Amino acid sequence: MAKISTASTLTVRNAKTGKFVTVRGAQSLKGSKFAIKKSVDLTKPIAEQALKGKPQSSKHAAKG
């Protein structure tokens, strides 16, 4: 038996490459108060984008 997905999908064209990309879960937050920054690319890992540009903190304090 085939799996049935209730998540909506949307096919969009990448303006840079010209390729078509299927975005799963498109508009799943529609009507929600959750806001996503315009600079976040949902086709790439979000954690990497969120941490990009933030200073790395050391887990251990330097002894000296």
PDB file of N, CA and C in Angstrom:
ATOM      1  N   MET A   1       0.840  -1.176   0.000  1.00  0.00           N
ATOM      2  CA  MET A   1       0.000   0.000   0.000  1.00  0.00           C
ATOM      3  C   MET A   1       0.884   1.239   0.000  1.00  0.00           C
ATOM      4  N   ALA A   2       0.571   2.212  -0.788  1.00  0.00           N
ATOM      5  CA  ALA A   2       1.357   3.433  -0.905  1.00  0.00           C
ATOM      6  C   ALA A   2       1.083   4.360   0.272  1.00  0.00           C
ATOM      7  N   LYS A   3       2.135   5.052   0.671  1.00  0.00           N
ATOM      8  CA  LYS A   3       1.987   6.025   1.751  1.00  0.00           C
ATOM      9  C   LYS A   3       1.292   7.267   1.203  1.00  0.00           C
ATOM     10  N   ILE A   4       0.407   7.808   1.992  1.00  0.00           N
ATOM     11  CA  ILE A   4      -0.290   9.020   1.599  1.00  0.00           C
ATOM     12  C   ILE A   4       0.217  10.151   2.477  1.00  0.00           C
ATOM     13  N   SER A   5       0.687  11.209   1.851  1.00  0.00           N
ATOM     14  CA  SER A   5       1.223  12.343   2.586  1.00  0.00           C
ATOM     15  C   SER A   5       0.175  13.438   2.676  1.00  0.00           C
ATOM     16  N   THR A   6      -0.023  13.949   3.891  1.00  0.00           N
ATOM     17  CA  THR A   6      -0.969  15.043   4.064  1.00  0.00           C
ATOM     18  C   THR A   6      -0.274  16.390   3.967  1.00  0.00           C
ATOM     19  N   ALA A   7       1.070  16.385   3.937  1.00  0.00           N
ATOM     20  CA  ALA A   7       1.825  17.636   3.835  1.00  0.00           C
ATOM     21  C   ALA A   7       1.674  18.202   2.431  1.00  0.00           C
ATOM     22  N   SER A   8       1.481  19.485   2.358  1.00  0.00           N
ATOM     23  CA  SER A   8       1.353  20.116   1.048  1.00  0.00           C
ATOM     24  C   SER A   8       2.727  20.296   0.424  1.00  0.00           C
ATOM     25  N   THR A   9       2.786  20.240  -0.881  1.00  0.00           N
ATOM     26  CA  THR A   9       4.037  20.459  -1.599  1.00  0.00           C
ATOM     27  C   THR A   9       3.842  21.567  -2.611  1.00  0.00           C
ATOM     28  N   LEU A  10       4.938  22.213  -2.930  1.00  0.00           N
ATOM     29  CA  LEU A  10       4.914  23.309  -3.882  1.00  0.00           C
ATOM     30  C   LEU A  10       6.162  23.196  -4.741  1.00  0.00           C
ATOM     31  N   THR A  11       6.027  23.308  -6.034  1.00  0.00           N
ATOM     32  CA  THR A  11       7.171  23.273  -6.935  1.00  0.00           C
ATOM     33  C   THR A  11       7.485  24.691  -7.360  1.00  0.00           C
ATOM     34  N   VAL A  12       8.733  25.094  -7.098  1.00  0.00           N
ATOM     35  CA  VAL A  12       9.166  26.448  -7.435  1.00  0.00           C
ATOM     36  C   VAL A  12      10.433  26.389  -8.257  1.00  0.00           C
ATOM     37  N   ARG A  13      10.705  27.454  -8.993  1.00  0.00           N
ATOM     38  CA  ARG A  13      11.908  27.538  -9.824  1.00  0.00           C
ATOM     39  C   ARG A  13      12.959  28.347  -9.089  1.00  0.00           C
ATOM     40  N   ASN A  14      14.172  27.789  -8.983  1.00  0.00           N
ATOM     41  CA  ASN A  14      15.293  28.488  -8.379  1.00  0.00           C
ATOM     42  C   ASN A  14      15.762  29.537  -9.375  1.00  0.00           C
ATOM     43  N   ALA A  15      15.705  30.809  -8.988  1.00  0.00           N
ATOM     44  CA  ALA A  15      16.049  31.901  -9.896  1.00  0.00           C
ATOM     45  C   ALA A  15      17.521  31.879 -10.292  1.00  0.00           C
ATOM     46  N   LYS A  16      18.389  31.385  -9.422  1.00  0.00           N
ATOM     47  CA  LYS A  16      19.826  31.372  -9.717  1.00  0.00           C
ATOM     48  C   LYS A  16      20.212  30.259 -10.684  1.00  0.00           C
ATOM     49  N   THR A  17      19.676  29.049 -10.449  1.00  0.00           N
ATOM     50  CA  THR A  17      20.088  27.898 -11.255  1.00  0.00           C
ATOM     51  C   THR A  17      19.108  27.555 -12.377  1.00  0.00           C
ATOM     52  N   GLY A  18      17.866  27.999 -12.245  1.00  0.00           N
ATOM     53  CA  GLY A  18      16.856  27.668 -13.240  1.00  0.00           C
ATOM     54  C   GLY A  18      16.224  26.308 -13.027  1.00  0.00           C
ATOM     55  N   LYS A  19      16.696  25.571 -12.010  1.00  0.00           N
ATOM     56  CA  LYS A  19      16.142  24.247 -11.729  1.00  0.00           C
ATOM     57  C   LYS A  19      14.856  24.367 -10.919  1.00  0.00           C
ATOM     58  N   PHE A  20      13.990  23.363 -11.057  1.00  0.00           N
ATOM     59  CA  PHE A  20      12.762  23.324 -10.284  1.00  0.00           C
ATOM     60  C   PHE A  20      12.994  22.509  -9.022  1.00  0.00           C
ATOM     61  N   VAL A  21      12.477  23.018  -7.905  1.00  0.00           N
ATOM     62  CA  VAL A  21      12.667  22.393  -6.604  1.00  0.00           C
ATOM     63  C   VAL A  21      11.293  22.154  -5.995  1.00  0.00           C
ATOM     64  N   THR A  22      11.083  20.959  -5.443  1.00  0.00           N
ATOM     65  CA  THR A  22       9.842  20.666  -4.747  1.00  0.00           C
ATOM     66  C   THR A  22      10.043  20.960  -3.269  1.00  0.00           C
ATOM     67  N   VAL A  23       9.204  21.835  -2.739  1.00  0.00           N
ATOM     68  CA  VAL A  23       9.282  22.223  -1.329  1.00  0.00           C
ATOM     69  C   VAL A  23       8.157  21.517  -0.593  1.00  0.00           C
ATOM     70  N   ARG A  24       8.539  20.614   0.316  1.00  0.00           N
ATOM     71  CA  ARG A  24       7.539  19.887   1.094  1.00  0.00           C
ATOM     72  C   ARG A  24       7.082  20.742   2.261  1.00  0.00           C
ATOM     73  N   GLY A  25       5.834  20.636   2.606  1.00  0.00           N
ATOM     74  CA  GLY A  25       5.296  21.371   3.745  1.00  0.00           C
ATOM     75  C   GLY A  25       5.088  22.847   3.472  1.00  0.00           C
ATOM     76  N   ALA A  26       5.041  23.219   2.217  1.00  0.00           N
ATOM     77  CA  ALA A  26       4.870  24.626   1.862  1.00  0.00           C
ATOM     78  C   ALA A  26       3.567  25.158   2.438  1.00  0.00           C
ATOM     79  N   GLN A  27       3.621  26.333   2.982  1.00  0.00           N
ATOM     80  CA  GLN A  27       2.492  27.035   3.574  1.00  0.00           C
ATOM     81  C   GLN A  27       1.917  26.316   4.787  1.00  0.00           C
ATOM     82  N   SER A  28       2.705  25.452   5.419  1.00  0.00           N
ATOM     83  CA  SER A  28       2.205  24.742   6.596  1.00  0.00           C
ATOM     84  C   SER A  28       2.068  25.670   7.798  1.00  0.00           C
ATOM     85  N   LEU A  29       2.773  26.792   7.778  1.00  0.00           N
ATOM     86  CA  LEU A  29       2.673  27.759   8.874  1.00  0.00           C
ATOM     87  C   LEU A  29       1.766  28.934   8.530  1.00  0.00           C
ATOM     88  N   LYS A  30       1.042  28.819   7.449  1.00  0.00           N
ATOM     89  CA  LYS A  30       0.155  29.900   7.039  1.00  0.00           C
ATOM     90  C   LYS A  30      -0.879  30.161   8.139  1.00  0.00           C
ATOM     91  N   GLY A  31      -1.013  31.408   8.504  1.00  0.00           N
ATOM     92  CA  GLY A  31      -1.953  31.767   9.560  1.00  0.00           C
ATOM     93  C   GLY A  31      -1.346  31.694  10.954  1.00  0.00           C
ATOM     94  N   SER A  32      -0.091  31.256  11.033  1.00  0.00           N
ATOM     95  CA  SER A  32       0.610  31.154  12.311  1.00  0.00           C
ATOM     96  C   SER A  32       1.328  32.461  12.605  1.00  0.00           C
ATOM     97  N   LYS A  33       1.593  32.719  13.885  1.00  0.00           N
ATOM     98  CA  LYS A  33       2.326  33.919  14.270  1.00  0.00           C
ATOM     99  C   LYS A  33       3.837  33.708  14.169  1.00  0.00           C
ATOM    100  N   PHE A  34       4.255  32.491  13.840  1.00  0.00           N
ATOM    101  CA  PHE A  34       5.676  32.179  13.705  1.00  0.00           C
ATOM    102  C   PHE A  34       6.220  32.870  12.460  1.00  0.00           C
ATOM    103  N   ALA A  35       7.284  33.642  12.634  1.00  0.00           N
ATOM    104  CA  ALA A  35       7.852  34.401  11.518  1.00  0.00           C
ATOM    105  C   ALA A  35       9.209  33.834  11.123  1.00  0.00           C
ATOM    106  N   ILE A  36       9.436  33.701   9.831  1.00  0.00           N
ATOM    107  CA  ILE A  36      10.719  33.243   9.310  1.00  0.00           C
ATOM    108  C   ILE A  36      11.362  34.419   8.587  1.00  0.00           C
ATOM    109  N   LYS A  37      12.631  34.670   8.874  1.00  0.00           N
ATOM    110  CA  LYS A  37      13.333  35.772   8.229  1.00  0.00           C
ATOM    111  C   LYS A  37      13.392  35.534   6.727  1.00  0.00           C
ATOM    112  N   LYS A  38      13.292  36.596   5.969  1.00  0.00           N
ATOM    113  CA  LYS A  38      13.336  36.511   4.500  1.00  0.00           C
ATOM    114  C   LYS A  38      14.680  35.976   4.013  1.00  0.00           C
ATOM    115  N   SER A  39      15.742  36.155   4.805  1.00  0.00           N
ATOM    116  CA  SER A  39      17.076  35.720   4.382  1.00  0.00           C
ATOM    117  C   SER A  39      17.299  34.221   4.544  1.00  0.00           C
ATOM    118  N   VAL A  40      16.388  33.506   5.193  1.00  0.00           N
ATOM    119  CA  VAL A  40      16.547  32.067   5.417  1.00  0.00           C
ATOM    120  C   VAL A  40      16.055  31.303   4.185  1.00  0.00           C
ATOM    121  N   ASP A  41      16.919  30.436   3.656  1.00  0.00           N
ATOM    122  CA  ASP A  41      16.585  29.598   2.507  1.00  0.00           C
ATOM    123  C   ASP A  41      16.099  28.262   3.046  1.00  0.00           C
ATOM    124  N   LEU A  42      14.830  27.948   2.878  1.00  0.00           N
ATOM    125  CA  LEU A  42      14.252  26.732   3.446  1.00  0.00           C
ATOM    126  C   LEU A  42      14.680  25.461   2.718  1.00  0.00           C
ATOM    127  N   THR A  43      15.398  25.594   1.608  1.00  0.00           N
ATOM    128  CA  THR A  43      15.890  24.411   0.903  1.00  0.00           C
ATOM    129  C   THR A  43      17.270  24.002   1.404  1.00  0.00           C
ATOM    130  N   LYS A  44      17.841  24.770   2.345  1.00  0.00           N
ATOM    131  CA  LYS A  44      19.158  24.487   2.919  1.00  0.00           C
ATOM    132  C   LYS A  44      19.008  24.271   4.416  1.00  0.00           C
ATOM    133  N   PRO A  45      19.994  23.621   5.061  1.00  0.00           N
ATOM    134  CA  PRO A  45      19.898  23.395   6.507  1.00  0.00           C
ATOM    135  C   PRO A  45      19.727  24.708   7.278  1.00  0.00           C
ATOM    136  N   ILE A  46      18.662  24.793   8.055  1.00  0.00           N
ATOM    137  CA  ILE A  46      18.323  26.028   8.756  1.00  0.00           C
ATOM    138  C   ILE A  46      19.297  26.303   9.896  1.00  0.00           C
ATOM    139  N   ALA A  47      19.727  25.271  10.623  1.00  0.00           N
ATOM    140  CA  ALA A  47      20.637  25.472  11.755  1.00  0.00           C
ATOM    141  C   ALA A  47      21.939  26.126  11.305  1.00  0.00           C
ATOM    142  N   GLU A  48      22.478  25.684  10.181  1.00  0.00           N
ATOM    143  CA  GLU A  48      23.724  26.271   9.669  1.00  0.00           C
ATOM    144  C   GLU A  48      23.532  27.747   9.334  1.00  0.00           C
ATOM    145  N   GLN A  49      22.387  28.090   8.766  1.00  0.00           N
ATOM    146  CA  GLN A  49      22.113  29.477   8.408  1.00  0.00           C
ATOM    147  C   GLN A  49      21.918  30.334   9.654  1.00  0.00           C
ATOM    148  N   ALA A  50      21.292  29.767  10.679  1.00  0.00           N
ATOM    149  CA  ALA A  50      21.039  30.517  11.903  1.00  0.00           C
ATOM    150  C   ALA A  50      22.337  30.795  12.656  1.00  0.00           C
ATOM    151  N   LEU A  51      23.272  29.848  12.596  1.00  0.00           N
ATOM    152  CA  LEU A  51      24.525  30.009  13.323  1.00  0.00           C
ATOM    153  C   LEU A  51      25.574  30.774  12.528  1.00  0.00           C
ATOM    154  N   LYS A  52      25.355  30.939  11.242  1.00  0.00           N
ATOM    155  CA  LYS A  52      26.315  31.625  10.388  1.00  0.00           C
ATOM    156  C   LYS A  52      26.457  33.084  10.830  1.00  0.00           C
ATOM    157  N   GLY A  53      27.694  33.519  11.018  1.00  0.00           N
ATOM    158  CA  GLY A  53      27.947  34.896  11.389  1.00  0.00           C
ATOM    159  C   GLY A  53      27.945  35.152  12.884  1.00  0.00           C
ATOM    160  N   LYS A  54      27.527  34.157  13.675  1.00  0.00           N
ATOM    161  CA  LYS A  54      27.545  34.334  15.124  1.00  0.00           C
ATOM    162  C   LYS A  54      28.910  33.917  15.652  1.00  0.00           C
ATOM    163  N   PRO A  55      29.441  34.635  16.627  1.00  0.00           N
ATOM    164  CA  PRO A  55      30.750  34.272  17.169  1.00  0.00           C
ATOM    165  C   PRO A  55      30.688  32.937  17.913  1.00  0.00           C
ATOM    166  N   GLN A  56      31.704  32.133  17.711  1.00  0.00           N
ATOM    167  CA  GLN A  56      31.786  30.843  18.384  1.00  0.00           C
ATOM    168  C   GLN A  56      32.251  31.050  19.815  1.00  0.00           C
ATOM    169  N   SER A  57      31.557  30.496  20.767  1.00  0.00           N
ATOM    170  CA  SER A  57      31.983  30.612  22.159  1.00  0.00           C
ATOM    171  C   SER A  57      32.696  29.323  22.555  1.00  0.00           C
ATOM    172  N   SER A  58      33.728  29.482  23.360  1.00  0.00           N
ATOM    173  CA  SER A  58      34.519  28.340  23.818  1.00  0.00           C
ATOM    174  C   SER A  58      33.760  27.647  24.938  1.00  0.00           C
ATOM    175  N   LYS A  59      33.737  26.318  24.913  1.00  0.00           N
ATOM    176  CA  LYS A  59      33.066  25.556  25.943  1.00  0.00           C
ATOM    177  C   LYS A  59      33.903  25.504  27.229  1.00  0.00           C
ATOM    178  N   HIS A  60      35.200  25.646  27.090  1.00  0.00           N
ATOM    179  CA  HIS A  60      36.090  25.571  28.239  1.00  0.00           C
ATOM    180  C   HIS A  60      36.834  26.899  28.385  1.00  0.00           C
ATOM    181  N   ALA A  61      36.886  27.357  29.599  1.00  0.00           N
ATOM    182  CA  ALA A  61      37.624  28.602  29.852  1.00  0.00           C
ATOM    183  C   ALA A  61      39.118  28.317  29.829  1.00  0.00           C
ATOM    184  N   ALA A  62      39.861  29.223  29.250  1.00  0.00           N
ATOM    185  CA  ALA A  62      41.325  29.075  29.176  1.00  0.00           C
ATOM    186  C   ALA A  62      41.920  29.297  30.563  1.00  0.00           C
ATOM    187  N   LYS A  63      42.861  28.426  30.909  1.00  0.00           N
ATOM    188  CA  LYS A  63      43.557  28.586  32.200  1.00  0.00           C
ATOM    189  C   LYS A  63      44.897  29.241  31.935  1.00  0.00           C
ATOM    190  N   GLY A  64      45.270  30.129  32.811  1.00  0.00           N
ATOM    191  CA  GLY A  64      46.547  30.749  32.547  1.00  0.00           C
ATOM    192  C   GLY A  64      46.992  31.633  33.563  1.00  0.00           C
TER     193      GLY A  64
END
